[in-house]
Amino acid sequence: MIAQVSRIARCPPTNTSRTCAACGHCAPGNRESQAVFECQACRHQAHADTNAAVVILGRALNSLPAAGHAVPGRRGPALAGSANQSAL
């Protein structure tokens, strides 16, 4: 069985629809229609929403701490049944 891990990450949404997922070039001309994305720099083509989703994913993954680095702890009480709840 494969364990699924979910995380929520904040990332800036600015220009995600104009940024190329392949090379990072950002320009208004990269997205000339609602559905079509074509990078003026590297000629990467994709559905505009798919390209923007890949850009957002990349930004979110880059905002997460690197593996093995400490992250701030949870604030507030532990949830019932959580691993960090003390046994009674």
N, C-alpha and C. Protein backbone atom coordinates (compact mmCIF):
# COMPACT_ATOMS: atom_id res chain seq x y z
N MET A 1 0.84 -1.17 0.00
CA MET A 1 0.00 0.00 0.00
C MET A 1 0.89 1.24 0.00
N ILE A 2 0.50 2.24 -0.77
CA ILE A 2 1.27 3.47 -0.88
C ILE A 2 0.67 4.52 0.04
N ALA A 3 1.49 5.11 0.88
CA ALA A 3 1.03 6.16 1.79
C ALA A 3 0.92 7.47 1.02
N GLN A 4 -0.14 8.21 1.26
CA GLN A 4 -0.32 9.50 0.62
C GLN A 4 0.02 10.59 1.63
N VAL A 5 0.74 11.58 1.17
CA VAL A 5 1.12 12.70 2.01
C VAL A 5 0.53 13.96 1.39
N SER A 6 -0.13 14.74 2.20
CA SER A 6 -0.71 15.99 1.72
C SER A 6 -0.06 17.16 2.45
N ARG A 7 0.16 18.23 1.73
CA ARG A 7 0.71 19.44 2.31
C ARG A 7 0.01 20.62 1.66
N ILE A 8 -0.08 21.68 2.41
CA ILE A 8 -0.59 22.93 1.87
C ILE A 8 0.56 23.91 1.87
N ALA A 9 0.80 24.54 0.75
CA ALA A 9 1.89 25.51 0.65
C ALA A 9 1.37 26.78 0.01
N ARG A 10 1.79 27.89 0.55
CA ARG A 10 1.44 29.18 -0.04
C ARG A 10 2.45 29.50 -1.13
N CYS A 11 1.95 30.00 -2.25
CA CYS A 11 2.85 30.45 -3.30
C CYS A 11 2.22 31.65 -4.00
N PRO A 12 3.03 32.57 -4.48
CA PRO A 12 2.49 33.76 -5.12
C PRO A 12 1.85 33.40 -6.47
N PRO A 13 0.60 33.83 -6.71
CA PRO A 13 -0.08 33.50 -7.96
C PRO A 13 0.25 34.44 -9.11
N THR A 14 1.01 35.49 -8.84
CA THR A 14 1.29 36.50 -9.85
C THR A 14 1.94 35.92 -11.10
N ASN A 15 1.35 36.21 -12.24
CA ASN A 15 1.87 35.84 -13.57
C ASN A 15 1.99 34.34 -13.83
N THR A 16 1.29 33.51 -13.09
CA THR A 16 1.38 32.06 -13.34
C THR A 16 0.82 31.70 -14.71
N SER A 17 -0.11 32.48 -15.22
CA SER A 17 -0.67 32.18 -16.54
C SER A 17 0.20 32.71 -17.67
N ARG A 18 1.21 33.50 -17.35
CA ARG A 18 2.10 34.08 -18.37
C ARG A 18 3.51 33.51 -18.31
N THR A 19 3.77 32.64 -17.32
CA THR A 19 5.11 32.09 -17.10
C THR A 19 5.22 30.71 -17.73
N CYS A 20 6.31 30.47 -18.43
CA CYS A 20 6.53 29.17 -19.08
C CYS A 20 6.97 28.14 -18.05
N ALA A 21 6.30 27.00 -18.03
CA ALA A 21 6.65 25.92 -17.11
C ALA A 21 7.95 25.25 -17.52
N ALA A 22 8.35 25.39 -18.77
CA ALA A 22 9.56 24.74 -19.25
C ALA A 22 10.82 25.56 -19.00
N CYS A 23 10.75 26.87 -19.28
CA CYS A 23 11.98 27.68 -19.17
C CYS A 23 11.87 28.84 -18.18
N GLY A 24 10.67 29.17 -17.71
CA GLY A 24 10.49 30.24 -16.74
C GLY A 24 10.30 31.63 -17.34
N HIS A 25 10.34 31.74 -18.66
CA HIS A 25 10.16 33.04 -19.31
C HIS A 25 8.75 33.55 -19.06
N CYS A 26 8.64 34.82 -18.66
CA CYS A 26 7.34 35.41 -18.36
C CYS A 26 7.09 36.60 -19.29
N ALA A 27 5.99 36.55 -20.04
CA ALA A 27 5.64 37.65 -20.94
C ALA A 27 4.15 37.58 -21.25
N PRO A 28 3.50 38.74 -21.42
CA PRO A 28 2.08 38.76 -21.76
C PRO A 28 1.78 38.01 -23.06
N GLY A 29 2.70 38.04 -24.00
CA GLY A 29 2.49 37.38 -25.29
C GLY A 29 2.55 35.87 -25.23
N ASN A 30 2.99 35.31 -24.11
CA ASN A 30 3.02 33.85 -23.99
C ASN A 30 1.62 33.25 -24.02
N ARG A 31 0.65 34.03 -23.61
CA ARG A 31 -0.72 33.52 -23.55
C ARG A 31 -1.63 34.49 -24.32
N GLU A 32 -1.79 34.21 -25.58
CA GLU A 32 -2.58 35.09 -26.43
C GLU A 32 -4.05 34.72 -26.48
N SER A 33 -4.41 33.55 -25.98
CA SER A 33 -5.83 33.16 -25.92
C SER A 33 -6.10 32.50 -24.57
N GLN A 34 -7.36 32.23 -24.31
CA GLN A 34 -7.75 31.64 -23.03
C GLN A 34 -7.20 30.23 -22.86
N ALA A 35 -7.09 29.48 -23.96
CA ALA A 35 -6.75 28.06 -23.84
C ALA A 35 -5.34 27.70 -24.29
N VAL A 36 -4.69 28.55 -25.06
CA VAL A 36 -3.40 28.18 -25.66
C VAL A 36 -2.26 28.95 -25.02
N PHE A 37 -1.22 28.22 -24.63
CA PHE A 37 0.01 28.81 -24.11
C PHE A 37 1.13 28.45 -25.07
N GLU A 38 1.89 29.46 -25.52
CA GLU A 38 3.09 29.22 -26.31
C GLU A 38 4.15 30.22 -25.88
N CYS A 39 5.26 29.69 -25.37
CA CYS A 39 6.35 30.53 -24.87
C CYS A 39 7.05 31.21 -26.04
N GLN A 40 7.24 32.52 -25.93
CA GLN A 40 7.93 33.27 -26.96
C GLN A 40 9.43 33.00 -26.96
N ALA A 41 9.95 32.52 -25.83
CA ALA A 41 11.39 32.28 -25.73
C ALA A 41 11.79 30.88 -26.21
N CYS A 42 11.11 29.84 -25.70
CA CYS A 42 11.54 28.46 -26.02
C CYS A 42 10.54 27.70 -26.89
N ARG A 43 9.42 28.32 -27.19
CA ARG A 43 8.36 27.75 -28.05
C ARG A 43 7.63 26.56 -27.42
N HIS A 44 7.77 26.39 -26.10
CA HIS A 44 7.00 25.35 -25.39
C HIS A 44 5.51 25.64 -25.59
N GLN A 45 4.75 24.61 -25.92
CA GLN A 45 3.30 24.75 -26.10
C GLN A 45 2.57 23.82 -25.16
N ALA A 46 1.47 24.32 -24.59
CA ALA A 46 0.64 23.51 -23.69
C ALA A 46 -0.72 24.18 -23.56
N HIS A 47 -1.67 23.43 -23.00
CA HIS A 47 -2.93 24.05 -22.64
C HIS A 47 -2.60 25.08 -21.56
N ALA A 48 -3.17 26.26 -21.67
CA ALA A 48 -2.81 27.37 -20.77
C ALA A 48 -3.04 27.03 -19.30
N ASP A 49 -4.15 26.38 -18.97
CA ASP A 49 -4.42 26.04 -17.58
C ASP A 49 -3.47 24.98 -17.05
N THR A 50 -3.11 24.03 -17.89
CA THR A 50 -2.16 22.99 -17.49
C THR A 50 -0.79 23.61 -17.23
N ASN A 51 -0.35 24.48 -18.13
CA ASN A 51 0.93 25.15 -17.94
C ASN A 51 0.94 25.94 -16.63
N ALA A 52 -0.13 26.71 -16.37
CA ALA A 52 -0.20 27.49 -15.13
C ALA A 52 -0.19 26.59 -13.90
N ALA A 53 -0.86 25.45 -13.97
CA ALA A 53 -0.89 24.52 -12.84
C ALA A 53 0.51 23.98 -12.54
N VAL A 54 1.28 23.70 -13.59
CA VAL A 54 2.65 23.21 -13.40
C VAL A 54 3.53 24.30 -12.78
N VAL A 55 3.33 25.55 -13.21
CA VAL A 55 4.08 26.67 -12.63
C VAL A 55 3.74 26.81 -11.14
N ILE A 56 2.45 26.73 -10.80
CA ILE A 56 2.02 26.84 -9.40
C ILE A 56 2.60 25.70 -8.57
N LEU A 57 2.56 24.49 -9.10
CA LEU A 57 3.14 23.34 -8.38
C LEU A 57 4.62 23.56 -8.13
N GLY A 58 5.34 24.03 -9.13
CA GLY A 58 6.77 24.28 -8.96
C GLY A 58 7.04 25.32 -7.89
N ARG A 59 6.26 26.39 -7.88
CA ARG A 59 6.43 27.42 -6.86
C ARG A 59 6.12 26.87 -5.47
N ALA A 60 5.07 26.07 -5.37
CA ALA A 60 4.69 25.50 -4.08
C ALA A 60 5.78 24.56 -3.57
N LEU A 61 6.29 23.70 -4.42
CA LEU A 61 7.33 22.76 -4.01
C LEU A 61 8.61 23.50 -3.60
N ASN A 62 8.92 24.59 -4.29
CA ASN A 62 10.11 25.38 -3.93
C ASN A 62 9.94 26.12 -2.62
N SER A 63 8.70 26.32 -2.19
CA SER A 63 8.47 27.04 -0.93
C SER A 63 8.53 26.13 0.29
N LEU A 64 8.51 24.82 0.08
CA LEU A 64 8.55 23.87 1.20
C LEU A 64 9.98 23.72 1.71
N PRO A 65 10.14 23.45 3.00
CA PRO A 65 11.48 23.25 3.53
C PRO A 65 12.10 21.98 2.94
N ALA A 66 13.40 21.99 2.80
CA ALA A 66 14.11 20.82 2.26
C ALA A 66 13.98 19.65 3.23
N ALA A 67 14.03 18.45 2.69
CA ALA A 67 13.93 17.25 3.51
C ALA A 67 15.04 17.23 4.55
N GLY A 68 14.71 16.89 5.78
CA GLY A 68 15.68 16.80 6.85
C GLY A 68 15.87 18.10 7.62
N HIS A 69 15.20 19.17 7.18
CA HIS A 69 15.31 20.43 7.90
C HIS A 69 14.13 20.59 8.83
N ALA A 70 14.36 21.23 9.95
CA ALA A 70 13.32 21.43 10.95
C ALA A 70 12.25 22.38 10.43
N VAL A 71 11.03 22.14 10.83
CA VAL A 71 9.91 23.02 10.51
C VAL A 71 9.26 23.45 11.81
N PRO A 72 8.59 24.61 11.81
CA PRO A 72 7.93 25.05 13.04
C PRO A 72 6.91 24.02 13.52
N GLY A 73 6.82 23.85 14.82
CA GLY A 73 5.87 22.89 15.39
C GLY A 73 4.44 23.38 15.34
N ARG A 74 3.54 22.47 15.61
CA ARG A 74 2.11 22.78 15.62
C ARG A 74 1.78 23.62 16.84
N ARG A 75 0.90 24.58 16.67
CA ARG A 75 0.44 25.38 17.79
C ARG A 75 -0.95 24.90 18.17
N GLY A 76 -1.21 24.80 19.44
CA GLY A 76 -2.52 24.37 19.89
C GLY A 76 -2.51 22.93 20.35
N PRO A 77 -3.65 22.45 20.82
CA PRO A 77 -3.72 21.09 21.36
C PRO A 77 -3.63 20.04 20.25
N ALA A 78 -3.13 18.88 20.62
CA ALA A 78 -3.07 17.78 19.68
C ALA A 78 -4.47 17.26 19.40
N LEU A 79 -4.66 16.77 18.19
CA LEU A 79 -5.95 16.20 17.83
C LEU A 79 -6.07 14.81 18.42
N ALA A 80 -7.28 14.40 18.74
CA ALA A 80 -7.51 13.07 19.30
C ALA A 80 -6.94 12.01 18.37
N GLY A 81 -6.14 11.13 18.92
CA GLY A 81 -5.59 10.03 18.12
C GLY A 81 -4.34 10.41 17.34
N SER A 82 -3.84 11.62 17.48
CA SER A 82 -2.66 12.00 16.73
C SER A 82 -1.41 11.37 17.36
N ALA A 83 -0.35 11.29 16.58
CA ALA A 83 0.87 10.64 17.04
C ALA A 83 1.54 11.39 18.18
N ASN A 84 1.30 12.71 18.27
CA ASN A 84 1.97 13.46 19.33
C ASN A 84 1.09 13.68 20.56
N GLN A 85 0.01 12.95 20.66
CA GLN A 85 -0.84 13.04 21.84
C GLN A 85 -0.36 12.03 22.87
N SER A 86 -0.23 12.48 24.10
CA SER A 86 0.29 11.56 25.13
C SER A 86 -0.73 10.48 25.47
N ALA A 87 -0.23 9.31 25.78
CA ALA A 87 -1.10 8.21 26.15
C ALA A 87 -1.60 8.39 27.58
N LEU A 88 -2.84 8.04 27.83
CA LEU A 88 -3.41 8.18 29.17
C LEU A 88 -3.30 6.90 29.95
